[in-house]
PDB file of all heavy atoms in Angstrom:
ATOM      1  N   SER A   1       0.807  -1.216   0.000  1.00  0.00           N
ATOM      2  CA  SER A   1       0.000   0.000   0.000  1.00  0.00           C
ATOM      3  C   SER A   1       0.844   1.272   0.000  1.00  0.00           C
ATOM      4  O   SER A   1       0.522   2.249  -0.667  1.00  0.00           O
ATOM      5  CB  SER A   1      -0.940   0.007   1.209  1.00  0.00           C
ATOM      6  OG  SER A   1      -1.796  -1.103   1.180  1.00  0.00           O
ATOM      7  N   TYR A   2       1.922   1.266   0.770  1.00  0.00           N
ATOM      8  CA  TYR A   2       2.814   2.405   0.830  1.00  0.00           C
ATOM      9  C   TYR A   2       4.197   1.946   0.385  1.00  0.00           C
ATOM     10  O   TYR A   2       4.699   0.934   0.873  1.00  0.00           O
ATOM     11  CB  TYR A   2       2.860   2.983   2.243  1.00  0.00           C
ATOM     12  CG  TYR A   2       1.512   3.444   2.742  1.00  0.00           C
ATOM     13  CD1 TYR A   2       0.723   2.609   3.534  1.00  0.00           C
ATOM     14  CD2 TYR A   2       1.022   4.691   2.387  1.00  0.00           C
ATOM     15  CE1 TYR A   2      -0.527   3.018   3.972  1.00  0.00           C
ATOM     16  CE2 TYR A   2      -0.231   5.111   2.818  1.00  0.00           C
ATOM     17  CZ  TYR A   2      -0.998   4.275   3.607  1.00  0.00           C
ATOM     18  OH  TYR A   2      -2.236   4.687   4.034  1.00  0.00           O
ATOM     19  N   PRO A   3       4.831   2.650  -0.554  1.00  0.00           N
ATOM     20  CA  PRO A   3       6.094   2.192  -1.147  1.00  0.00           C
ATOM     21  C   PRO A   3       7.186   1.836  -0.137  1.00  0.00           C
ATOM     22  O   PRO A   3       7.989   0.957  -0.379  1.00  0.00           O
ATOM     23  CB  PRO A   3       6.518   3.379  -2.017  1.00  0.00           C
ATOM     24  CG  PRO A   3       5.247   4.058  -2.364  1.00  0.00           C
ATOM     25  CD  PRO A   3       4.365   3.898  -1.147  1.00  0.00           C
ATOM     26  N   GLY A   4       7.209   2.508   1.018  1.00  0.00           N
ATOM     27  CA  GLY A   4       8.271   2.233   1.984  1.00  0.00           C
ATOM     28  C   GLY A   4       7.969   1.103   2.948  1.00  0.00           C
ATOM     29  O   GLY A   4       8.837   0.668   3.689  1.00  0.00           O
ATOM     30  N   ASP A   5       6.720   0.605   2.944  1.00  0.00           N
ATOM     31  CA  ASP A   5       6.339  -0.427   3.915  1.00  0.00           C
ATOM     32  C   ASP A   5       6.977  -1.772   3.607  1.00  0.00           C
ATOM     33  O   ASP A   5       7.106  -2.168   2.452  1.00  0.00           O
ATOM     34  CB  ASP A   5       4.819  -0.606   3.926  1.00  0.00           C
ATOM     35  CG  ASP A   5       4.120   0.557   4.598  1.00  0.00           C
ATOM     36  OD1 ASP A   5       4.826   1.424   5.142  1.00  0.00           O
ATOM     37  OD2 ASP A   5       2.878   0.593   4.579  1.00  0.00           O
ATOM     38  N   TYR A   6       7.343  -2.490   4.651  1.00  0.00           N
ATOM     39  CA  TYR A   6       7.800  -3.874   4.595  1.00  0.00           C
ATOM     40  C   TYR A   6       9.153  -4.076   3.925  1.00  0.00           C
ATOM     41  O   TYR A   6       9.601  -5.207   3.788  1.00  0.00           O
ATOM     42  CB  TYR A   6       6.777  -4.771   3.867  1.00  0.00           C
ATOM     43  CG  TYR A   6       5.373  -4.602   4.346  1.00  0.00           C
ATOM     44  CD1 TYR A   6       4.435  -3.959   3.569  1.00  0.00           C
ATOM     45  CD2 TYR A   6       4.988  -5.083   5.591  1.00  0.00           C
ATOM     46  CE1 TYR A   6       3.121  -3.794   4.010  1.00  0.00           C
ATOM     47  CE2 TYR A   6       3.688  -4.929   6.046  1.00  0.00           C
ATOM     48  CZ  TYR A   6       2.762  -4.282   5.244  1.00  0.00           C
ATOM     49  OH  TYR A   6       1.478  -4.124   5.681  1.00  0.00           O
ATOM     50  N   THR A   7       9.795  -3.029   3.476  1.00  0.00           N
ATOM     51  CA  THR A   7      10.992  -3.228   2.668  1.00  0.00           C
ATOM     52  C   THR A   7      11.922  -2.025   2.712  1.00  0.00           C
ATOM     53  O   THR A   7      11.487  -0.891   2.862  1.00  0.00           O
ATOM     54  CB  THR A   7      10.605  -3.520   1.205  1.00  0.00           C
ATOM     55  OG1 THR A   7      11.787  -3.612   0.417  1.00  0.00           O
ATOM     56  CG2 THR A   7       9.728  -2.433   0.627  1.00  0.00           C
ATOM     57  N   GLY A   8      13.207  -2.279   2.545  1.00  0.00           N
ATOM     58  CA  GLY A   8      14.184  -1.199   2.451  1.00  0.00           C
ATOM     59  C   GLY A   8      14.359  -0.732   1.020  1.00  0.00           C
ATOM     60  O   GLY A   8      14.955   0.302   0.767  1.00  0.00           O
ATOM     61  N   LYS A   9      13.829  -1.502   0.054  1.00  0.00           N
ATOM     62  CA  LYS A   9      13.978  -1.173  -1.365  1.00  0.00           C
ATOM     63  C   LYS A   9      12.648  -1.334  -2.091  1.00  0.00           C
ATOM     64  O   LYS A   9      11.958  -2.332  -1.931  1.00  0.00           O
ATOM     65  CB  LYS A   9      15.013  -2.103  -2.011  1.00  0.00           C
ATOM     66  CG  LYS A   9      16.434  -1.930  -1.495  1.00  0.00           C
ATOM     67  CD  LYS A   9      17.387  -2.845  -2.266  1.00  0.00           C
ATOM     68  CE  LYS A   9      18.822  -2.642  -1.821  1.00  0.00           C
ATOM     69  NZ  LYS A   9      19.755  -3.511  -2.571  1.00  0.00           N
ATOM     70  N   THR A  10      12.319  -0.350  -2.924  1.00  0.00           N
ATOM     71  CA  THR A  10      11.116  -0.468  -3.738  1.00  0.00           C
ATOM     72  C   THR A  10      11.292  -1.550  -4.796  1.00  0.00           C
ATOM     73  O   THR A  10      10.402  -2.344  -5.068  1.00  0.00           O
ATOM     74  CB  THR A  10      10.786   0.877  -4.415  1.00  0.00           C
ATOM     75  OG1 THR A  10      10.615   1.864  -3.399  1.00  0.00           O
ATOM     76  CG2 THR A  10       9.512   0.774  -5.243  1.00  0.00           C
ATOM     77  N   THR A  11      12.486  -1.592  -5.416  1.00  0.00           N
ATOM     78  CA  THR A  11      12.841  -2.623  -6.386  1.00  0.00           C
ATOM     79  C   THR A  11      14.122  -3.293  -5.922  1.00  0.00           C
ATOM     80  O   THR A  11      15.093  -2.614  -5.590  1.00  0.00           O
ATOM     81  CB  THR A  11      13.038  -2.028  -7.790  1.00  0.00           C
ATOM     82  OG1 THR A  11      11.853  -1.323  -8.171  1.00  0.00           O
ATOM     83  CG2 THR A  11      13.332  -3.117  -8.809  1.00  0.00           C
ATOM     84  N   ALA A  12      14.139  -4.617  -5.889  1.00  0.00           N
ATOM     85  CA  ALA A  12      15.302  -5.339  -5.380  1.00  0.00           C
ATOM     86  C   ALA A  12      15.662  -6.504  -6.293  1.00  0.00           C
ATOM     87  O   ALA A  12      14.809  -7.043  -7.011  1.00  0.00           O
ATOM     88  CB  ALA A  12      15.042  -5.855  -3.969  1.00  0.00           C
ATOM     89  N   PHE A  13      16.923  -6.898  -6.265  1.00  0.00           N
ATOM     90  CA  PHE A  13      17.395  -8.072  -7.004  1.00  0.00           C
ATOM     91  C   PHE A  13      16.822  -9.333  -6.371  1.00  0.00           C
ATOM     92  O   PHE A  13      16.718  -9.443  -5.147  1.00  0.00           O
ATOM     93  CB  PHE A  13      18.923  -8.126  -6.975  1.00  0.00           C
ATOM     94  CG  PHE A  13      19.506  -9.354  -7.630  1.00  0.00           C
ATOM     95  CD1 PHE A  13      19.445  -9.518  -9.006  1.00  0.00           C
ATOM     96  CD2 PHE A  13      20.101 -10.350  -6.864  1.00  0.00           C
ATOM     97  CE1 PHE A  13      19.969 -10.655  -9.613  1.00  0.00           C
ATOM     98  CE2 PHE A  13      20.634 -11.488  -7.455  1.00  0.00           C
ATOM     99  CZ  PHE A  13      20.569 -11.633  -8.835  1.00  0.00           C
ATOM    100  N   ILE A  14      16.420 -10.290  -7.206  1.00  0.00           N
ATOM    101  CA  ILE A  14      15.872 -11.554  -6.725  1.00  0.00           C
ATOM    102  C   ILE A  14      16.481 -12.698  -7.515  1.00  0.00           C
ATOM    103  O   ILE A  14      16.738 -12.559  -8.714  1.00  0.00           O
ATOM    104  CB  ILE A  14      14.323 -11.554  -6.840  1.00  0.00           C
ATOM    105  CG1 ILE A  14      13.728 -12.785  -6.155  1.00  0.00           C
ATOM    106  CG2 ILE A  14      13.870 -11.460  -8.278  1.00  0.00           C
ATOM    107  CD1 ILE A  14      12.205 -12.762  -6.071  1.00  0.00           C
ATOM    108  N   TYR A  15      16.731 -13.814  -6.838  1.00  0.00           N
ATOM    109  CA  TYR A  15      17.232 -14.994  -7.539  1.00  0.00           C
ATOM    110  C   TYR A  15      16.593 -16.246  -6.950  1.00  0.00           C
ATOM    111  O   TYR A  15      16.143 -16.248  -5.800  1.00  0.00           O
ATOM    112  CB  TYR A  15      18.757 -15.085  -7.464  1.00  0.00           C
ATOM    113  CG  TYR A  15      19.317 -15.279  -6.073  1.00  0.00           C
ATOM    114  CD1 TYR A  15      19.556 -16.548  -5.557  1.00  0.00           C
ATOM    115  CD2 TYR A  15      19.605 -14.181  -5.265  1.00  0.00           C
ATOM    116  CE1 TYR A  15      20.069 -16.719  -4.274  1.00  0.00           C
ATOM    117  CE2 TYR A  15      20.118 -14.339  -3.988  1.00  0.00           C
ATOM    118  CZ  TYR A  15      20.348 -15.613  -3.504  1.00  0.00           C
ATOM    119  OH  TYR A  15      20.857 -15.789  -2.236  1.00  0.00           O
ATOM    120  N   SER A  16      16.552 -17.313  -7.763  1.00  0.00           N
ATOM    121  CA  SER A  16      15.834 -18.509  -7.339  1.00  0.00           C
ATOM    122  C   SER A  16      16.356 -19.759  -8.046  1.00  0.00           C
ATOM    123  O   SER A  16      16.066 -19.963  -9.221  1.00  0.00           O
ATOM    124  CB  SER A  16      14.341 -18.344  -7.627  1.00  0.00           C
ATOM    125  OG  SER A  16      13.628 -19.509  -7.290  1.00  0.00           O
ATOM    126  N   PRO A  17      17.123 -20.623  -7.344  1.00  0.00           N
ATOM    127  CA  PRO A  17      17.484 -21.936  -7.881  1.00  0.00           C
ATOM    128  C   PRO A  17      16.456 -22.983  -7.456  1.00  0.00           C
ATOM    129  O   PRO A  17      15.795 -22.827  -6.426  1.00  0.00           O
ATOM    130  CB  PRO A  17      18.844 -22.205  -7.236  1.00  0.00           C
ATOM    131  CG  PRO A  17      18.756 -21.494  -5.916  1.00  0.00           C
ATOM    132  CD  PRO A  17      17.873 -20.283  -6.133  1.00  0.00           C
ATOM    133  N   GLY A  18      16.324 -24.053  -8.248  1.00  0.00           N
ATOM    134  CA  GLY A  18      15.365 -25.083  -7.889  1.00  0.00           C
ATOM    135  C   GLY A  18      15.628 -26.402  -8.582  1.00  0.00           C
ATOM    136  O   GLY A  18      16.503 -26.516  -9.450  1.00  0.00           O
ATOM    137  N   VAL A  19      14.859 -27.403  -8.200  1.00  0.00           N
ATOM    138  CA  VAL A  19      14.952 -28.743  -8.781  1.00  0.00           C
ATOM    139  C   VAL A  19      13.546 -29.301  -8.883  1.00  0.00           C
ATOM    140  O   VAL A  19      12.663 -28.926  -8.092  1.00  0.00           O
ATOM    141  CB  VAL A  19      15.863 -29.654  -7.918  1.00  0.00           C
ATOM    142  CG1 VAL A  19      15.265 -29.836  -6.522  1.00  0.00           C
ATOM    143  CG2 VAL A  19      16.105 -31.005  -8.580  1.00  0.00           C
ATOM    144  N   GLY A  20      13.293 -30.171  -9.870  1.00  0.00           N
ATOM    145  CA  GLY A  20      11.946 -30.689 -10.003  1.00  0.00           C
ATOM    146  C   GLY A  20      11.825 -31.889 -10.915  1.00  0.00           C
ATOM    147  O   GLY A  20      12.822 -32.408 -11.435  1.00  0.00           O
ATOM    148  N   TYR A  21      10.580 -32.305 -11.116  1.00  0.00           N
ATOM    149  CA  TYR A  21      10.268 -33.489 -11.909  1.00  0.00           C
ATOM    150  C   TYR A  21       9.048 -33.179 -12.769  1.00  0.00           C
ATOM    151  O   TYR A  21       8.064 -32.609 -12.292  1.00  0.00           O
ATOM    152  CB  TYR A  21       9.965 -34.669 -10.977  1.00  0.00           C
ATOM    153  CG  TYR A  21       9.751 -35.992 -11.676  1.00  0.00           C
ATOM    154  CD1 TYR A  21      10.835 -36.784 -12.032  1.00  0.00           C
ATOM    155  CD2 TYR A  21       8.463 -36.443 -11.975  1.00  0.00           C
ATOM    156  CE1 TYR A  21      10.642 -38.013 -12.665  1.00  0.00           C
ATOM    157  CE2 TYR A  21       8.258 -37.666 -12.608  1.00  0.00           C
ATOM    158  CZ  TYR A  21       9.361 -38.445 -12.950  1.00  0.00           C
ATOM    159  OH  TYR A  21       9.180 -39.643 -13.585  1.00  0.00           O
ATOM    160  N   THR A  22       9.097 -33.562 -14.055  1.00  0.00           N
ATOM    161  CA  THR A  22       8.007 -33.298 -14.994  1.00  0.00           C
ATOM    162  C   THR A  22       7.257 -34.579 -15.322  1.00  0.00           C
ATOM    163  O   THR A  22       7.873 -35.618 -15.589  1.00  0.00           O
ATOM    164  CB  THR A  22       8.554 -32.686 -16.295  1.00  0.00           C
ATOM    165  OG1 THR A  22       9.160 -31.421 -16.007  1.00  0.00           O
ATOM    166  CG2 THR A  22       7.444 -32.478 -17.315  1.00  0.00           C
ATOM    167  N   ILE A  23       5.919 -34.509 -15.318  1.00  0.00           N
ATOM    168  CA  ILE A  23       5.080 -35.633 -15.714  1.00  0.00           C
ATOM    169  C   ILE A  23       4.311 -35.227 -16.979  1.00  0.00           C
ATOM    170  O   ILE A  23       3.514 -34.289 -16.950  1.00  0.00           O
ATOM    171  CB  ILE A  23       4.081 -35.995 -14.605  1.00  0.00           C
ATOM    172  CG1 ILE A  23       4.830 -36.425 -13.341  1.00  0.00           C
ATOM    173  CG2 ILE A  23       3.143 -37.108 -15.073  1.00  0.00           C
ATOM    174  CD1 ILE A  23       3.928 -36.724 -12.171  1.00  0.00           C
ATOM    175  N   PRO A  24       4.560 -35.897 -18.125  1.00  0.00           N
ATOM    176  CA  PRO A  24       3.826 -35.581 -19.359  1.00  0.00           C
ATOM    177  C   PRO A  24       2.334 -35.888 -19.195  1.00  0.00           C
ATOM    178  O   PRO A  24       1.955 -36.864 -18.543  1.00  0.00           O
ATOM    179  CB  PRO A  24       4.466 -36.515 -20.394  1.00  0.00           C
ATOM    180  CG  PRO A  24       5.787 -36.903 -19.810  1.00  0.00           C
ATOM    181  CD  PRO A  24       5.575 -36.930 -18.325  1.00  0.00           C
ATOM    182  N   LEU A  25       1.492 -35.062 -19.807  1.00  0.00           N
ATOM    183  CA  LEU A  25       0.040 -35.244 -19.743  1.00  0.00           C
ATOM    184  C   LEU A  25      -0.555 -35.049 -21.131  1.00  0.00           C
ATOM    185  O   LEU A  25      -0.018 -34.300 -21.952  1.00  0.00           O
ATOM    186  CB  LEU A  25      -0.595 -34.233 -18.782  1.00  0.00           C
ATOM    187  CG  LEU A  25      -0.116 -34.251 -17.326  1.00  0.00           C
ATOM    188  CD1 LEU A  25      -0.684 -33.042 -16.594  1.00  0.00           C
ATOM    189  CD2 LEU A  25      -0.539 -35.543 -16.641  1.00  0.00           C
ATOM    190  N   GLY A  26      -1.659 -35.686 -21.384  1.00  0.00           N
ATOM    191  CA  GLY A  26      -2.363 -35.469 -22.634  1.00  0.00           C
ATOM    192  C   GLY A  26      -1.697 -36.117 -23.832  1.00  0.00           C
ATOM    193  O   GLY A  26      -0.750 -36.902 -23.724  1.00  0.00           O
ATOM    194  N   TYR A  27      -2.184 -35.752 -24.988  1.00  0.00           N
ATOM    195  CA  TYR A  27      -1.738 -36.329 -26.251  1.00  0.00           C
ATOM    196  C   TYR A  27      -0.268 -36.017 -26.521  1.00  0.00           C
ATOM    197  O   TYR A  27       0.138 -34.865 -26.591  1.00  0.00           O
ATOM    198  CB  TYR A  27      -2.611 -35.793 -27.391  1.00  0.00           C
ATOM    199  CG  TYR A  27      -2.241 -36.317 -28.754  1.00  0.00           C
ATOM    200  CD1 TYR A  27      -2.407 -37.668 -29.071  1.00  0.00           C
ATOM    201  CD2 TYR A  27      -1.738 -35.463 -29.716  1.00  0.00           C
ATOM    202  CE1 TYR A  27      -2.076 -38.147 -30.323  1.00  0.00           C
ATOM    203  CE2 TYR A  27      -1.404 -35.928 -30.979  1.00  0.00           C
ATOM    204  CZ  TYR A  27      -1.572 -37.278 -31.280  1.00  0.00           C
ATOM    205  OH  TYR A  27      -1.238 -37.742 -32.525  1.00  0.00           O
ATOM    206  N   ARG A  28       0.556 -37.060 -26.645  1.00  0.00           N
ATOM    207  CA  ARG A  28       1.988 -36.940 -26.934  1.00  0.00           C
ATOM    208  C   ARG A  28       2.725 -36.037 -25.944  1.00  0.00           C
ATOM    209  O   ARG A  28       3.727 -35.419 -26.287  1.00  0.00           O
ATOM    210  CB  ARG A  28       2.211 -36.426 -28.356  1.00  0.00           C
ATOM    211  CG  ARG A  28       1.777 -37.402 -29.435  1.00  0.00           C
ATOM    212  CD  ARG A  28       2.139 -36.901 -30.805  1.00  0.00           C
ATOM    213  NE  ARG A  28       1.737 -37.861 -31.832  1.00  0.00           N
ATOM    214  CZ  ARG A  28       1.889 -37.653 -33.139  1.00  0.00           C
ATOM    215  NH1 ARG A  28       2.425 -36.515 -33.575  1.00  0.00           N
ATOM    216  NH2 ARG A  28       1.505 -38.563 -34.013  1.00  0.00           N
ATOM    217  N   GLY A  29       2.203 -35.937 -24.743  1.00  0.00           N
ATOM    218  CA  GLY A  29       2.879 -35.131 -23.736  1.00  0.00           C
ATOM    219  C   GLY A  29       2.910 -33.653 -24.041  1.00  0.00           C
ATOM    220  O   GLY A  29       3.775 -32.921 -23.557  1.00  0.00           O
ATOM    221  N   ARG A  30       1.945 -33.186 -24.854  1.00  0.00           N
ATOM    222  CA  ARG A  30       1.918 -31.765 -25.210  1.00  0.00           C
ATOM    223  C   ARG A  30       1.802 -30.885 -23.965  1.00  0.00           C
ATOM    224  O   ARG A  30       2.406 -29.838 -23.863  1.00  0.00           O
ATOM    225  CB  ARG A  30       0.756 -31.504 -26.164  1.00  0.00           C
ATOM    226  CG  ARG A  30       0.645 -30.056 -26.627  1.00  0.00           C
ATOM    227  CD  ARG A  30      -0.537 -29.867 -27.565  1.00  0.00           C
ATOM    228  NE  ARG A  30      -0.642 -28.482 -27.987  1.00  0.00           N
ATOM    229  CZ  ARG A  30      -0.025 -27.987 -29.044  1.00  0.00           C
ATOM    230  NH1 ARG A  30       0.762 -28.754 -29.765  1.00  0.00           N
ATOM    231  NH2 ARG A  30      -0.169 -26.718 -29.373  1.00  0.00           N
ATOM    232  N   ASN A  31       0.985 -31.338 -23.010  1.00  0.00           N
ATOM    233  CA  ASN A  31       0.872 -30.667 -21.721  1.00  0.00           C
ATOM    234  C   ASN A  31       1.628 -31.479 -20.672  1.00  0.00           C
ATOM    235  O   ASN A  31       1.904 -32.666 -20.872  1.00  0.00           O
ATOM    236  CB  ASN A  31      -0.592 -30.520 -21.317  1.00  0.00           C
ATOM    237  CG  ASN A  31      -1.386 -29.714 -22.331  1.00  0.00           C
ATOM    238  OD1 ASN A  31      -0.842 -28.872 -23.038  1.00  0.00           O
ATOM    239  ND2 ASN A  31      -2.675 -29.991 -22.414  1.00  0.00           N
ATOM    240  N   SER A  32       1.946 -30.854 -19.561  1.00  0.00           N
ATOM    241  CA  SER A  32       2.683 -31.561 -18.513  1.00  0.00           C
ATOM    242  C   SER A  32       2.466 -30.880 -17.170  1.00  0.00           C
ATOM    243  O   SER A  32       1.930 -29.774 -17.088  1.00  0.00           O
ATOM    244  CB  SER A  32       4.182 -31.602 -18.844  1.00  0.00           C
ATOM    245  OG  SER A  32       4.722 -30.288 -18.910  1.00  0.00           O
ATOM    246  N   ALA A  33       2.902 -31.557 -16.120  1.00  0.00           N
ATOM    247  CA  ALA A  33       2.852 -31.004 -14.773  1.00  0.00           C
ATOM    248  C   ALA A  33       4.248 -31.061 -14.166  1.00  0.00           C
ATOM    249  O   ALA A  33       4.980 -32.031 -14.359  1.00  0.00           O
ATOM    250  CB  ALA A  33       1.881 -31.792 -13.902  1.00  0.00           C
ATOM    251  N   ASP A  34       4.633 -29.995 -13.478  1.00  0.00           N
ATOM    252  CA  ASP A  34       5.923 -29.930 -12.795  1.00  0.00           C
ATOM    253  C   ASP A  34       5.712 -29.982 -11.287  1.00  0.00           C
ATOM    254  O   ASP A  34       4.813 -29.326 -10.751  1.00  0.00           O
ATOM    255  CB  ASP A  34       6.664 -28.623 -13.130  1.00  0.00           C
ATOM    256  CG  ASP A  34       7.311 -28.644 -14.502  1.00  0.00           C
ATOM    257  OD1 ASP A  34       7.304 -29.713 -15.142  1.00  0.00           O
ATOM    258  OD2 ASP A  34       7.823 -27.594 -14.925  1.00  0.00           O
ATOM    259  N   PHE A  35       6.565 -30.741 -10.615  1.00  0.00           N
ATOM    260  CA  PHE A  35       6.579 -30.797  -9.152  1.00  0.00           C
ATOM    261  C   PHE A  35       8.021 -30.590  -8.704  1.00  0.00           C
ATOM    262  O   PHE A  35       8.928 -31.253  -9.216  1.00  0.00           O
ATOM    263  CB  PHE A  35       6.051 -32.144  -8.649  1.00  0.00           C
ATOM    264  CG  PHE A  35       4.641 -32.432  -9.065  1.00  0.00           C
ATOM    265  CD1 PHE A  35       4.377 -33.117 -10.246  1.00  0.00           C
ATOM    266  CD2 PHE A  35       3.576 -32.011  -8.280  1.00  0.00           C
ATOM    267  CE1 PHE A  35       3.073 -33.379 -10.647  1.00  0.00           C
ATOM    268  CE2 PHE A  35       2.264 -32.267  -8.673  1.00  0.00           C
ATOM    269  CZ  PHE A  35       2.011 -32.944  -9.856  1.00  0.00           C
ATOM    270  N   GLY A  36       8.242 -29.667  -7.783  1.00  0.00           N
ATOM    271  CA  GLY A  36       9.618 -29.408  -7.389  1.00  0.00           C
ATOM    272  C   GLY A  36       9.744 -28.643  -6.088  1.00  0.00           C
ATOM    273  O   GLY A  36       8.784 -28.477  -5.332  1.00  0.00           O
ATOM    274  N   LEU A  37      10.958 -28.185  -5.863  1.00  0.00           N
ATOM    275  CA  LEU A  37      11.307 -27.437  -4.663  1.00  0.00           C
ATOM    276  C   LEU A  37      12.282 -26.345  -5.073  1.00  0.00           C
ATOM    277  O   LEU A  37      13.184 -26.573  -5.890  1.00  0.00           O
ATOM    278  CB  LEU A  37      11.960 -28.373  -3.644  1.00  0.00           C
ATOM    279  CG  LEU A  37      12.166 -27.844  -2.219  1.00  0.00           C
ATOM    280  CD1 LEU A  37      10.821 -27.653  -1.526  1.00  0.00           C
ATOM    281  CD2 LEU A  37      13.033 -28.821  -1.432  1.00  0.00           C
ATOM    282  N   PHE A  38      12.092 -25.125  -4.532  1.00  0.00           N
ATOM    283  CA  PHE A  38      13.010 -24.049  -4.884  1.00  0.00           C
ATOM    284  C   PHE A  38      13.290 -23.142  -3.685  1.00  0.00           C
ATOM    285  O   PHE A  38      12.552 -23.124  -2.704  1.00  0.00           O
ATOM    286  CB  PHE A  38      12.472 -23.224  -6.064  1.00  0.00           C
ATOM    287  CG  PHE A  38      11.256 -22.387  -5.744  1.00  0.00           C
ATOM    288  CD1 PHE A  38      11.385 -21.069  -5.314  1.00  0.00           C
ATOM    289  CD2 PHE A  38       9.983 -22.898  -5.889  1.00  0.00           C
ATOM    290  CE1 PHE A  38      10.278 -20.289  -5.021  1.00  0.00           C
ATOM    291  CE2 PHE A  38       8.858 -22.137  -5.600  1.00  0.00           C
ATOM    292  CZ  PHE A  38       9.013 -20.825  -5.167  1.00  0.00           C
ATOM    293  N   TYR A  39      14.374 -22.406  -3.814  1.00  0.00           N
ATOM    294  CA  TYR A  39      14.797 -21.405  -2.823  1.00  0.00           C
ATOM    295  C   TYR A  39      14.733 -20.060  -3.516  1.00  0.00           C
ATOM    296  O   TYR A  39      15.136 -19.933  -4.675  1.00  0.00           O
ATOM    297  CB  TYR A  39      16.228 -21.707  -2.371  1.00  0.00           C
ATOM    298  CG  TYR A  39      16.892 -20.628  -1.553  1.00  0.00           C
ATOM    299  CD1 TYR A  39      16.765 -20.608  -0.169  1.00  0.00           C
ATOM    300  CD2 TYR A  39      17.665 -19.637  -2.160  1.00  0.00           C
ATOM    301  CE1 TYR A  39      17.386 -19.628   0.597  1.00  0.00           C
ATOM    302  CE2 TYR A  39      18.288 -18.650  -1.408  1.00  0.00           C
ATOM    303  CZ  TYR A  39      18.146 -18.649  -0.038  1.00  0.00           C
ATOM    304  OH  TYR A  39      18.763 -17.678   0.710  1.00  0.00           O
ATOM    305  N   GLU A  40      14.209 -19.044  -2.829  1.00  0.00           N
ATOM    306  CA  GLU A  40      14.098 -17.715  -3.444  1.00  0.00           C
ATOM    307  C   GLU A  40      14.518 -16.643  -2.451  1.00  0.00           C
ATOM    308  O   GLU A  40      14.137 -16.686  -1.284  1.00  0.00           O
ATOM    309  CB  GLU A  40      12.660 -17.474  -3.899  1.00  0.00           C
ATOM    310  CG  GLU A  40      12.448 -16.161  -4.625  1.00  0.00           C
ATOM    311  CD  GLU A  40      11.014 -16.014  -5.088  1.00  0.00           C
ATOM    312  OE1 GLU A  40      10.716 -16.444  -6.218  1.00  0.00           O
ATOM    313  OE2 GLU A  40      10.190 -15.489  -4.309  1.00  0.00           O
ATOM    314  N   ASN A  41      15.284 -15.674  -2.918  1.00  0.00           N
ATOM    315  CA  ASN A  41      15.736 -14.588  -2.046  1.00  0.00           C
ATOM    316  C   ASN A  41      15.577 -13.245  -2.733  1.00  0.00           C
ATOM    317  O   ASN A  41      16.132 -13.012  -3.810  1.00  0.00           O
ATOM    318  CB  ASN A  41      17.197 -14.797  -1.654  1.00  0.00           C
ATOM    319  CG  ASN A  41      17.683 -13.738  -0.666  1.00  0.00           C
ATOM    320  OD1 ASN A  41      16.889 -13.110   0.021  1.00  0.00           O
ATOM    321  ND2 ASN A  41      18.986 -13.539  -0.604  1.00  0.00           N
ATOM    322  N   ARG A  42      14.778 -12.379  -2.106  1.00  0.00           N
ATOM    323  CA  ARG A  42      14.694 -10.970  -2.506  1.00  0.00           C
ATOM    324  C   ARG A  42      15.728 -10.242  -1.659  1.00  0.00           C
ATOM    325  O   ARG A  42      15.545 -10.059  -0.463  1.00  0.00           O
ATOM    326  CB  ARG A  42      13.289 -10.420  -2.258  1.00  0.00           C
ATOM    327  CG  ARG A  42      13.097  -8.982  -2.729  1.00  0.00           C
ATOM    328  CD  ARG A  42      11.701  -8.482  -2.370  1.00  0.00           C
ATOM    329  NE  ARG A  42      11.302  -7.362  -3.190  1.00  0.00           N
ATOM    330  CZ  ARG A  42      11.540  -6.075  -2.887  1.00  0.00           C
ATOM    331  NH1 ARG A  42      12.183  -5.763  -1.772  1.00  0.00           N
ATOM    332  NH2 ARG A  42      11.143  -5.114  -3.697  1.00  0.00           N
ATOM    333  N   VAL A  43      16.813  -9.829  -2.280  1.00  0.00           N
ATOM    334  CA  VAL A  43      17.971  -9.316  -1.546  1.00  0.00           C
ATOM    335  C   VAL A  43      17.694  -7.924  -0.990  1.00  0.00           C
ATOM    336  O   VAL A  43      17.352  -7.001  -1.737  1.00  0.00           O
ATOM    337  CB  VAL A  43      19.217  -9.282  -2.453  1.00  0.00           C
ATOM    338  CG1 VAL A  43      20.416  -8.759  -1.684  1.00  0.00           C
ATOM    339  CG2 VAL A  43      19.498 -10.671  -3.011  1.00  0.00           C
ATOM    340  N   GLU A  44      17.817  -7.811   0.343  1.00  0.00           N
ATOM    341  CA  GLU A  44      17.579  -6.538   1.027  1.00  0.00           C
ATOM    342  C   GLU A  44      18.600  -6.364   2.143  1.00  0.00           C
ATOM    343  O   GLU A  44      19.217  -7.341   2.583  1.00  0.00           O
ATOM    344  CB  GLU A  44      16.180  -6.537   1.652  1.00  0.00           C
ATOM    345  CG  GLU A  44      15.048  -6.659   0.669  1.00  0.00           C
ATOM    346  CD  GLU A  44      14.041  -5.558   0.860  1.00  0.00           C
ATOM    347  OE1 GLU A  44      14.336  -4.583   1.579  1.00  0.00           O
ATOM    348  OE2 GLU A  44      12.956  -5.663   0.279  1.00  0.00           O
ATOM    349  N   PRO A  45      18.765  -5.120   2.628  1.00  0.00           N
ATOM    350  CA  PRO A  45      19.624  -4.925   3.804  1.00  0.00           C
ATOM    351  C   PRO A  45      19.106  -5.751   4.977  1.00  0.00           C
ATOM    352  O   PRO A  45      17.903  -5.812   5.221  1.00  0.00           O
ATOM    353  CB  PRO A  45      19.487  -3.421   4.086  1.00  0.00           C
ATOM    354  CG  PRO A  45      19.075  -2.824   2.778  1.00  0.00           C
ATOM    355  CD  PRO A  45      18.225  -3.852   2.110  1.00  0.00           C
ATOM    356  N   GLY A  46      19.963  -6.450   5.667  1.00  0.00           N
ATOM    357  CA  GLY A  46      19.552  -7.238   6.819  1.00  0.00           C
ATOM    358  C   GLY A  46      19.098  -8.643   6.492  1.00  0.00           C
ATOM    359  O   GLY A  46      18.605  -9.352   7.357  1.00  0.00           O
TER     360      GLY A  46
END
């Protein structure tokens, strides 16, 4: 609601590594579902 709330930066660098598994779905696997786990960090002071 307010640009300064909850954060030291209005715009911050973010990165996210992860790992997962894909299951093909539908005709010839055109569609699929992903299941995985990831880590994400919005880099801020502190």
